[in-house]
Amino acid sequence: MRHVTRYRVYPSQKVAGRLFTGFARCSFVRNWCLENRVYRDSCLPKLKEEYPELKEVQSKVLQNVVQQIVHNLKALRALKAKGRKVGKLRKKWVHSMIYEQTGFKLTGNRLWLSKIGEMRIELSRPVPGRIKQIVIKHTPAHKWFVAIISETPGNPEPTTGTRAVGIDLNLENFSTDTDGRVFEHPHNVRKAAQRLRRAQKKLSRAVDGSRNRRKQRVRVARIHERVENRRNDFLHKWSRYYVDRYDYIALEHLNIKPMVESLDAKLRGRPKSILDAAWYKAREFIRYKAANAGKYVHLIDPAYTTQDCFICGHREKKDLWQRTHSCPVCGYTVPRDLNAAQNILKRASVGWGTPESTLVEMGAATLPIPAVQVPVNEARISRL
């Protein structure tokens, strides 16, 4: 199994200077390869002879710079093959370096990097398994982080439990599941909007190239970072809640881009709320946690999950303001999101091998399911 753990590091001023110099050298190699259309790391020995300052960077780091270009080009070709409109790779400044297999050493709370030096690392949790790769990064908020990729032998034992849940993601609240639990939308962007607006106004008024502008740019970056941290904290707790309690988890396979770009969403002012919800990130968090725990996640097509009746299957179109499902055929009446969650679990469970008729009988036997507000106030969980 592969694990990724992230830690804060505190390099001295001298070590930070070497890191920035390494970023500059990596940026030069990346931009040189793009300009000359050279995508093989076999060009590095001749390049070092022509530019001796490149020898100040560990060899594996420069090789990873070239290999990342190749991976990015393959990703662009794959998107283009699917009919997506893609651009081209452009020159940019590199803010991270990747050490692989060699060139690093972790001893206690000290991290040593080849050609860089030693720095203090805040080991908030132990590193699982054997370290395979280290990525050091400088953020726009002027903070240093290290991502440690490690491996442990073996795979998790598959679950033998039968607890299943269907989850409907929506904007009225963040999610509703088949047990009637409702997680409220955290609205992190909305809460930070006024503070961000003031900070950006000060930034726009500062003189280009001045020290005050550089300081204000960091303040704006820290507000964005705080919003992202709060969002990630909520999503980690939300995904951990379901992975710890259920063996089979059913989710919608939502296509976010058309939802954001639709005219109806723009008229209702929903794109910001949709992006703030980070449904794709929530789905990925719950998927990798489930994989590490031996649980199962099933993604289903979300079409008509809100309109179809869970009991009889009658399809009744609803507007967004209609928050209650009331079937005119069988009389089944529940909150709209709860009916959608039950349909999601029904479709996923049929894929897991459960007969659909049995699911309807189970749902009919548990009709009066109350909607329970579940606050996410658990202790901070460790990230797998």
Protein backbone atom coordinates (compact mmCIF):
# COMPACT_ATOMS: atom_id res chain seq x y z
CA MET A 1 0.00 0.00 0.00
CA ARG A 2 1.11 3.54 -0.72
CA HIS A 3 0.63 6.36 1.78
CA VAL A 4 1.06 10.12 1.42
CA THR A 5 1.64 12.14 4.58
CA ARG A 6 2.15 15.90 4.68
CA TYR A 7 4.29 17.73 7.23
CA ARG A 8 5.33 21.30 7.92
CA VAL A 9 9.06 22.06 7.69
CA TYR A 10 10.99 25.07 8.95
CA PRO A 11 14.18 25.69 6.96
CA SER A 12 16.68 28.30 8.12
CA GLN A 13 17.28 31.40 6.04
CA LYS A 14 20.40 29.84 4.53
CA VAL A 15 18.65 26.57 3.66
CA ALA A 16 15.65 28.47 2.27
CA GLY A 17 18.01 30.37 -0.02
CA ARG A 18 19.36 27.08 -1.38
CA LEU A 19 15.81 25.82 -1.92
CA PHE A 20 14.87 28.93 -3.91
CA THR A 21 18.07 28.50 -5.95
CA GLY A 22 17.05 24.88 -6.63
CA PHE A 23 13.61 26.05 -7.76
CA ALA A 24 15.27 28.48 -10.17
CA ARG A 25 17.48 25.73 -11.63
CA CYS A 26 14.50 23.36 -12.02
CA SER A 27 12.49 26.13 -13.68
CA PHE A 28 15.32 26.72 -16.15
CA VAL A 29 15.49 23.02 -17.07
CA ARG A 30 11.72 22.77 -17.50
CA ASN A 31 11.47 25.88 -19.66
CA TRP A 32 14.55 24.90 -21.70
CA CYS A 33 13.03 21.49 -22.47
CA LEU A 34 9.74 23.07 -23.54
CA GLU A 35 11.47 25.66 -25.71
CA ASN A 36 13.72 23.10 -27.44
CA ARG A 37 11.10 20.31 -27.39
CA VAL A 38 13.43 17.89 -25.65
CA TYR A 39 11.55 15.45 -23.41
CA ARG A 40 14.21 12.93 -22.39
CA ASP A 41 16.36 13.14 -19.29
CA SER A 42 19.34 11.92 -21.36
CA CYS A 43 19.83 15.60 -22.29
CA LEU A 44 20.82 16.50 -18.72
CA PRO A 45 24.55 15.54 -18.84
CA LYS A 46 25.21 17.79 -21.85
CA LEU A 47 23.05 20.51 -20.33
CA LYS A 48 25.12 20.40 -17.14
CA GLU A 49 28.31 20.78 -19.17
CA GLU A 50 26.89 23.87 -20.85
CA TYR A 51 25.41 25.26 -17.61
CA PRO A 52 27.61 24.12 -14.66
CA GLU A 53 25.30 25.75 -12.09
CA LEU A 54 22.81 22.90 -12.69
CA LYS A 55 25.21 20.63 -10.76
CA GLU A 56 24.00 22.43 -7.61
CA VAL A 57 20.76 20.40 -7.84
CA GLN A 58 20.53 16.69 -7.05
CA SER A 59 20.43 14.60 -10.24
CA LYS A 60 17.16 12.77 -9.44
CA VAL A 61 15.41 16.10 -8.91
CA LEU A 62 16.27 17.28 -12.44
CA GLN A 63 15.28 13.91 -13.91
CA ASN A 64 11.86 14.21 -12.26
CA VAL A 65 11.44 17.68 -13.78
CA VAL A 66 11.81 16.23 -17.29
CA GLN A 67 9.64 13.21 -16.48
CA GLN A 68 6.86 15.46 -15.20
CA ILE A 69 6.79 17.22 -18.58
CA VAL A 70 6.29 13.84 -20.27
CA HIS A 71 3.47 12.92 -17.88
CA ASN A 72 1.77 16.28 -18.46
CA LEU A 73 1.97 15.83 -22.24
CA LYS A 74 0.44 12.34 -21.98
CA ALA A 75 -2.41 13.76 -19.89
CA LEU A 76 -3.08 16.47 -22.47
CA ARG A 77 -3.11 13.90 -25.29
CA ALA A 78 -5.58 11.75 -23.35
CA LEU A 79 -7.91 14.73 -22.87
CA LYS A 80 -7.62 15.66 -26.54
CA ALA A 81 -8.47 12.08 -27.55
CA LYS A 82 -11.70 12.41 -25.53
CA GLY A 83 -12.67 15.47 -27.55
CA ARG A 84 -11.71 18.05 -24.91
CA LYS A 85 -10.21 21.35 -25.98
CA VAL A 86 -6.69 21.58 -24.57
CA GLY A 87 -3.91 24.10 -24.84
CA LYS A 88 -0.19 23.56 -24.57
CA LEU A 89 2.35 23.50 -21.77
CA ARG A 90 3.74 26.93 -21.04
CA LYS A 91 6.83 28.18 -19.30
CA LYS A 92 6.43 28.77 -15.59
CA TRP A 93 8.26 29.03 -12.28
CA VAL A 94 8.63 25.77 -10.34
CA HIS A 95 7.74 25.85 -6.62
CA SER A 96 8.54 22.24 -5.67
CA MET A 97 11.25 19.60 -5.95
CA ILE A 98 10.90 15.81 -5.93
CA TYR A 99 13.52 13.57 -4.28
CA GLU A 100 13.13 9.92 -5.24
CA GLN A 101 14.91 6.85 -3.81
CA THR A 102 18.06 8.77 -2.81
CA GLY A 103 19.13 12.21 -1.69
CA PHE A 104 17.15 12.42 1.56
CA LYS A 105 17.39 11.27 5.16
CA LEU A 106 14.88 11.55 8.01
CA THR A 107 16.35 11.32 11.52
CA GLY A 108 14.08 12.19 14.41
CA ASN A 109 12.66 15.64 13.74
CA ARG A 110 15.43 16.57 11.27
CA LEU A 111 15.17 16.19 7.50
CA TRP A 112 18.29 16.26 5.33
CA LEU A 113 18.14 16.86 1.58
CA SER A 114 21.07 16.47 -0.80
CA LYS A 115 22.58 19.76 -2.07
CA ILE A 116 20.20 21.64 0.29
CA GLY A 117 21.02 20.84 3.90
CA GLU A 118 19.19 20.01 7.12
CA MET A 119 15.91 21.48 8.40
CA ARG A 120 13.45 20.91 11.21
CA ILE A 121 10.32 18.92 10.38
CA GLU A 122 7.12 18.83 12.47
CA LEU A 123 6.26 15.12 12.60
CA SER A 124 2.62 15.42 13.63
CA ARG A 125 2.21 11.65 13.05
CA PRO A 126 4.64 8.82 12.32
CA VAL A 127 5.59 7.99 8.74
CA PRO A 128 4.00 4.63 7.79
CA GLY A 129 6.27 2.11 6.08
CA ARG A 130 9.35 2.72 3.97
CA ILE A 131 9.92 6.16 2.45
CA LYS A 132 10.04 6.08 -1.36
CA GLN A 133 9.74 9.73 -2.33
CA ILE A 134 9.86 13.22 -0.80
CA VAL A 135 8.31 16.36 -2.30
CA ILE A 136 9.21 19.73 -0.80
CA LYS A 137 6.99 22.66 -1.70
CA HIS A 138 6.75 26.40 -1.03
CA THR A 139 3.19 27.78 -0.92
CA PRO A 140 1.98 31.27 -1.92
CA ALA A 141 1.36 31.91 1.79
CA HIS A 142 5.15 31.63 2.36
CA LYS A 143 5.01 28.27 4.14
CA TRP A 144 7.12 25.18 3.55
CA PHE A 145 5.62 21.68 3.40
CA VAL A 146 6.97 18.21 2.73
CA ALA A 147 4.88 15.38 1.31
CA ILE A 148 6.35 11.97 2.15
CA ILE A 149 5.28 9.05 -0.05
CA SER A 150 5.83 5.72 1.69
CA GLU A 151 4.90 2.08 1.14
CA THR A 152 3.82 -0.70 3.46
CA PRO A 153 3.69 -4.41 2.52
CA GLY A 154 0.41 -6.19 1.86
CA ASN A 155 -3.11 -5.00 1.08
CA PRO A 156 -6.04 -4.36 3.44
CA GLU A 157 -8.35 -7.28 4.15
CA PRO A 158 -11.69 -6.90 2.30
CA THR A 159 -14.62 -6.20 4.57
CA THR A 160 -17.00 -9.00 5.53
CA GLY A 161 -19.70 -6.65 6.81
CA THR A 162 -23.01 -5.85 5.14
CA ARG A 163 -23.73 -2.29 6.30
CA ALA A 164 -24.65 -0.20 3.25
CA VAL A 165 -25.50 3.47 2.76
CA GLY A 166 -26.48 5.69 -0.16
CA ILE A 167 -25.44 9.36 -0.13
CA ASP A 168 -27.04 12.19 -2.09
CA LEU A 169 -24.91 15.32 -2.57
CA ASN A 170 -26.84 18.57 -2.98
CA LEU A 171 -26.72 22.30 -2.30
CA GLU A 172 -29.70 22.61 0.06
CA ASN A 173 -27.40 20.79 2.49
CA PHE A 174 -24.08 19.13 1.80
CA SER A 175 -25.31 15.53 1.86
CA THR A 176 -28.24 13.33 2.89
CA ASP A 177 -27.93 9.57 3.37
CA THR A 178 -30.38 6.69 3.48
CA ASP A 179 -30.37 6.67 7.30
CA GLY A 180 -31.76 10.21 7.26
CA ARG A 181 -28.55 11.89 8.38
CA VAL A 182 -28.04 15.40 7.01
CA PHE A 183 -24.70 17.21 6.89
CA GLU A 184 -25.03 20.95 6.51
CA HIS A 185 -23.06 22.80 3.82
CA PRO A 186 -20.10 24.55 5.55
CA HIS A 187 -20.13 27.53 3.12
CA ASN A 188 -16.45 28.27 3.72
CA VAL A 189 -16.16 30.76 0.85
CA ARG A 190 -19.24 32.68 1.94
CA LYS A 191 -17.91 33.01 5.49
CA ALA A 192 -14.58 34.41 4.28
CA ALA A 193 -16.05 36.58 1.50
CA GLN A 194 -16.07 39.92 3.36
CA ARG A 195 -12.53 39.52 4.68
CA LEU A 196 -11.29 38.40 1.28
CA ARG A 197 -13.01 41.32 -0.45
CA ARG A 198 -11.29 43.84 1.81
CA ALA A 199 -7.88 42.19 1.41
CA GLN A 200 -8.16 42.08 -2.38
CA LYS A 201 -9.23 45.73 -2.50
CA LYS A 202 -6.09 46.70 -0.55
CA LEU A 203 -4.01 44.56 -2.92
CA SER A 204 -5.45 46.24 -6.01
CA ARG A 205 -4.62 49.69 -4.60
CA ALA A 206 -1.00 48.86 -3.73
CA VAL A 207 1.74 50.00 -6.09
CA ASP A 208 3.16 47.32 -8.39
CA GLY A 209 6.55 46.07 -7.23
CA SER A 210 6.32 47.69 -3.78
CA ARG A 211 6.97 45.93 -0.49
CA ASN A 212 3.44 46.66 0.70
CA ARG A 213 2.03 44.88 -2.36
CA ARG A 214 4.16 41.80 -1.69
CA LYS A 215 3.00 41.73 1.93
CA GLN A 216 -0.64 42.17 0.95
CA ARG A 217 -0.38 39.42 -1.66
CA VAL A 218 0.73 37.03 1.10
CA ARG A 219 -2.23 38.12 3.27
CA VAL A 220 -4.65 37.34 0.43
CA ALA A 221 -2.96 33.97 -0.13
CA ARG A 222 -3.34 33.11 3.56
CA ILE A 223 -7.07 33.82 3.47
CA HIS A 224 -7.42 31.45 0.50
CA GLU A 225 -5.28 28.89 2.33
CA ARG A 226 -7.48 29.12 5.43
CA VAL A 227 -10.60 28.52 3.34
CA GLU A 228 -8.99 25.49 1.72
CA ASN A 229 -7.85 24.11 5.08
CA ARG A 230 -11.38 24.43 6.51
CA ARG A 231 -12.85 22.73 3.45
CA ASN A 232 -10.36 19.86 3.64
CA ASP A 233 -10.94 19.48 7.37
CA PHE A 234 -14.69 19.14 6.85
CA LEU A 235 -14.32 16.70 3.94
CA HIS A 236 -11.85 14.51 5.86
CA LYS A 237 -14.23 14.29 8.84
CA TRP A 238 -17.23 13.68 6.57
CA SER A 239 -15.52 10.88 4.62
CA ARG A 240 -14.11 9.33 7.79
CA TYR A 241 -17.61 9.28 9.31
CA TYR A 242 -18.94 7.02 6.54
CA VAL A 243 -15.88 4.82 6.09
CA ASP A 244 -15.82 3.98 9.80
CA ARG A 245 -19.53 3.11 9.95
CA TYR A 246 -20.36 1.41 6.63
CA ASP A 247 -18.96 -1.39 4.46
CA TYR A 248 -20.69 -0.44 1.17
CA ILE A 249 -21.00 3.21 0.18
CA ALA A 250 -22.98 4.39 -2.86
CA LEU A 251 -22.31 7.83 -4.38
CA GLU A 252 -23.35 9.76 -7.46
CA HIS A 253 -20.85 10.10 -10.31
CA LEU A 254 -21.43 13.83 -10.76
CA ASN A 255 -20.10 15.75 -13.77
CA ILE A 256 -19.27 19.07 -12.13
CA LYS A 257 -18.24 21.17 -15.13
CA PRO A 258 -21.63 21.25 -16.97
CA MET A 259 -23.35 22.00 -13.66
CA VAL A 260 -21.17 25.04 -13.07
CA GLU A 261 -21.37 26.31 -16.64
CA SER A 262 -25.14 25.87 -17.06
CA LEU A 263 -27.20 29.02 -17.57
CA ASP A 264 -29.63 28.04 -14.82
CA ALA A 265 -26.81 27.76 -12.28
CA LYS A 266 -25.39 31.15 -13.28
CA LEU A 267 -28.80 32.83 -12.99
CA ARG A 268 -29.30 31.40 -9.51
CA GLY A 269 -25.78 32.30 -8.39
CA ARG A 270 -24.95 28.64 -7.74
CA PRO A 271 -21.51 28.14 -9.38
CA LYS A 272 -19.67 29.48 -6.34
CA SER A 273 -21.61 27.21 -3.98
CA ILE A 274 -21.06 24.21 -6.26
CA LEU A 275 -17.31 24.80 -6.41
CA ASP A 276 -17.14 25.50 -2.68
CA ALA A 277 -18.81 22.15 -1.96
CA ALA A 278 -15.89 20.35 -3.70
CA TRP A 279 -17.95 17.25 -4.52
CA TYR A 280 -15.17 15.71 -6.61
CA LYS A 281 -12.68 16.06 -3.76
CA ALA A 282 -15.23 14.61 -1.33
CA ARG A 283 -15.68 11.62 -3.62
CA GLU A 284 -11.92 11.05 -3.90
CA PHE A 285 -11.45 11.37 -0.12
CA ILE A 286 -14.06 8.72 0.59
CA ARG A 287 -12.72 6.45 -2.17
CA TYR A 288 -9.12 6.34 -0.99
CA LYS A 289 -10.13 5.97 2.67
CA ALA A 290 -12.43 3.10 1.74
CA ALA A 291 -9.66 1.44 -0.31
CA ASN A 292 -7.27 1.65 2.66
CA ALA A 293 -9.91 0.18 4.97
CA GLY A 294 -11.00 -2.65 2.66
CA LYS A 295 -14.46 -1.09 2.12
CA TYR A 296 -16.33 -0.69 -1.20
CA VAL A 297 -17.48 2.48 -2.96
CA HIS A 298 -19.85 2.30 -5.93
CA LEU A 299 -20.40 5.29 -8.25
CA ILE A 300 -23.73 5.36 -10.05
CA ASP A 301 -25.31 7.48 -12.77
CA PRO A 302 -27.21 10.34 -11.04
CA ALA A 303 -29.84 10.65 -13.81
CA TYR A 304 -33.42 10.77 -12.44
CA THR A 305 -32.44 9.79 -8.88
CA THR A 306 -34.46 12.78 -7.62
CA GLN A 307 -37.43 12.29 -9.93
CA ASP A 308 -37.96 8.53 -9.59
CA CYS A 309 -40.01 7.20 -6.70
CA PHE A 310 -38.04 4.76 -4.54
CA ILE A 311 -41.06 2.50 -3.90
CA CYS A 312 -42.89 2.25 -7.23
CA GLY A 313 -40.41 3.82 -9.68
CA HIS A 314 -42.86 6.45 -10.99
CA ARG A 315 -41.00 9.39 -12.54
CA GLU A 316 -42.27 12.84 -11.56
CA LYS A 317 -40.38 15.98 -12.63
CA LYS A 318 -39.60 18.40 -9.79
CA ASP A 319 -38.34 21.98 -9.72
CA LEU A 320 -35.45 22.89 -7.46
CA TRP A 321 -37.73 24.65 -4.98
CA GLN A 322 -39.70 21.45 -4.39
CA ARG A 323 -37.95 19.88 -1.40
CA THR A 324 -40.47 17.07 -0.71
CA HIS A 325 -41.05 13.93 -2.76
CA SER A 326 -44.72 13.01 -2.85
CA CYS A 327 -45.54 10.21 -5.29
CA PRO A 328 -49.00 10.59 -6.90
CA VAL A 329 -49.12 6.82 -7.62
CA CYS A 330 -48.18 5.08 -4.36
CA GLY A 331 -48.32 8.05 -1.98
CA TYR A 332 -44.72 7.69 -0.76
CA THR A 333 -43.81 11.03 0.88
CA VAL A 334 -40.31 11.81 2.17
CA PRO A 335 -37.82 14.66 1.83
CA ARG A 336 -36.58 15.00 -1.75
CA ASP A 337 -32.93 14.33 -0.88
CA LEU A 338 -33.76 11.23 1.16
CA ASN A 339 -35.65 9.73 -1.79
CA ALA A 340 -32.64 10.44 -4.03
CA ALA A 341 -30.27 8.76 -1.53
CA GLN A 342 -32.51 5.67 -1.43
CA ASN A 343 -32.53 5.48 -5.23
CA ILE A 344 -28.74 5.77 -5.27
CA LEU A 345 -28.42 2.85 -2.83
CA LYS A 346 -30.96 0.81 -4.81
CA ARG A 347 -29.02 1.17 -8.07
CA ALA A 348 -25.68 0.44 -6.41
CA SER A 349 -27.03 -2.54 -4.45
CA VAL A 350 -28.39 -4.16 -7.60
CA GLY A 351 -24.82 -3.93 -8.92
CA TRP A 352 -23.59 -5.59 -5.71
CA GLY A 353 -25.97 -8.49 -6.28
CA THR A 354 -28.98 -7.63 -4.09
CA PRO A 355 -32.40 -8.17 -5.79
CA GLU A 356 -34.25 -4.90 -6.42
CA SER A 357 -37.51 -6.31 -5.04
CA THR A 358 -35.83 -7.00 -1.70
CA LEU A 359 -34.57 -3.43 -1.54
CA VAL A 360 -38.05 -2.01 -2.12
CA GLU A 361 -39.42 -4.23 0.66
CA MET A 362 -36.68 -3.04 3.00
CA GLY A 363 -37.44 0.59 2.10
CA ALA A 364 -41.19 0.11 2.57
CA ALA A 365 -40.60 -1.36 6.01
CA THR A 366 -38.65 1.70 7.11
CA LEU A 367 -40.70 4.53 5.64
CA PRO A 368 -40.81 6.99 8.56
CA ILE A 369 -37.11 7.90 8.58
CA PRO A 370 -36.53 11.20 10.42
CA ALA A 371 -33.98 13.67 9.04
CA VAL A 372 -31.29 14.05 11.70
CA GLN A 373 -28.89 17.00 11.73
CA VAL A 374 -25.37 15.63 12.28
CA PRO A 375 -22.76 18.27 13.20
CA VAL A 376 -19.21 17.43 12.16
CA ASN A 377 -17.49 18.13 15.47
CA GLU A 378 -15.37 15.03 15.84
CA ALA A 379 -11.70 15.28 16.73
CA ARG A 380 -9.34 15.92 13.84
CA ILE A 381 -8.61 12.63 12.13
CA SER A 382 -5.28 11.52 10.74
CA ARG A 383 -4.97 11.59 6.96
CA LEU A 384 -4.20 8.21 5.46
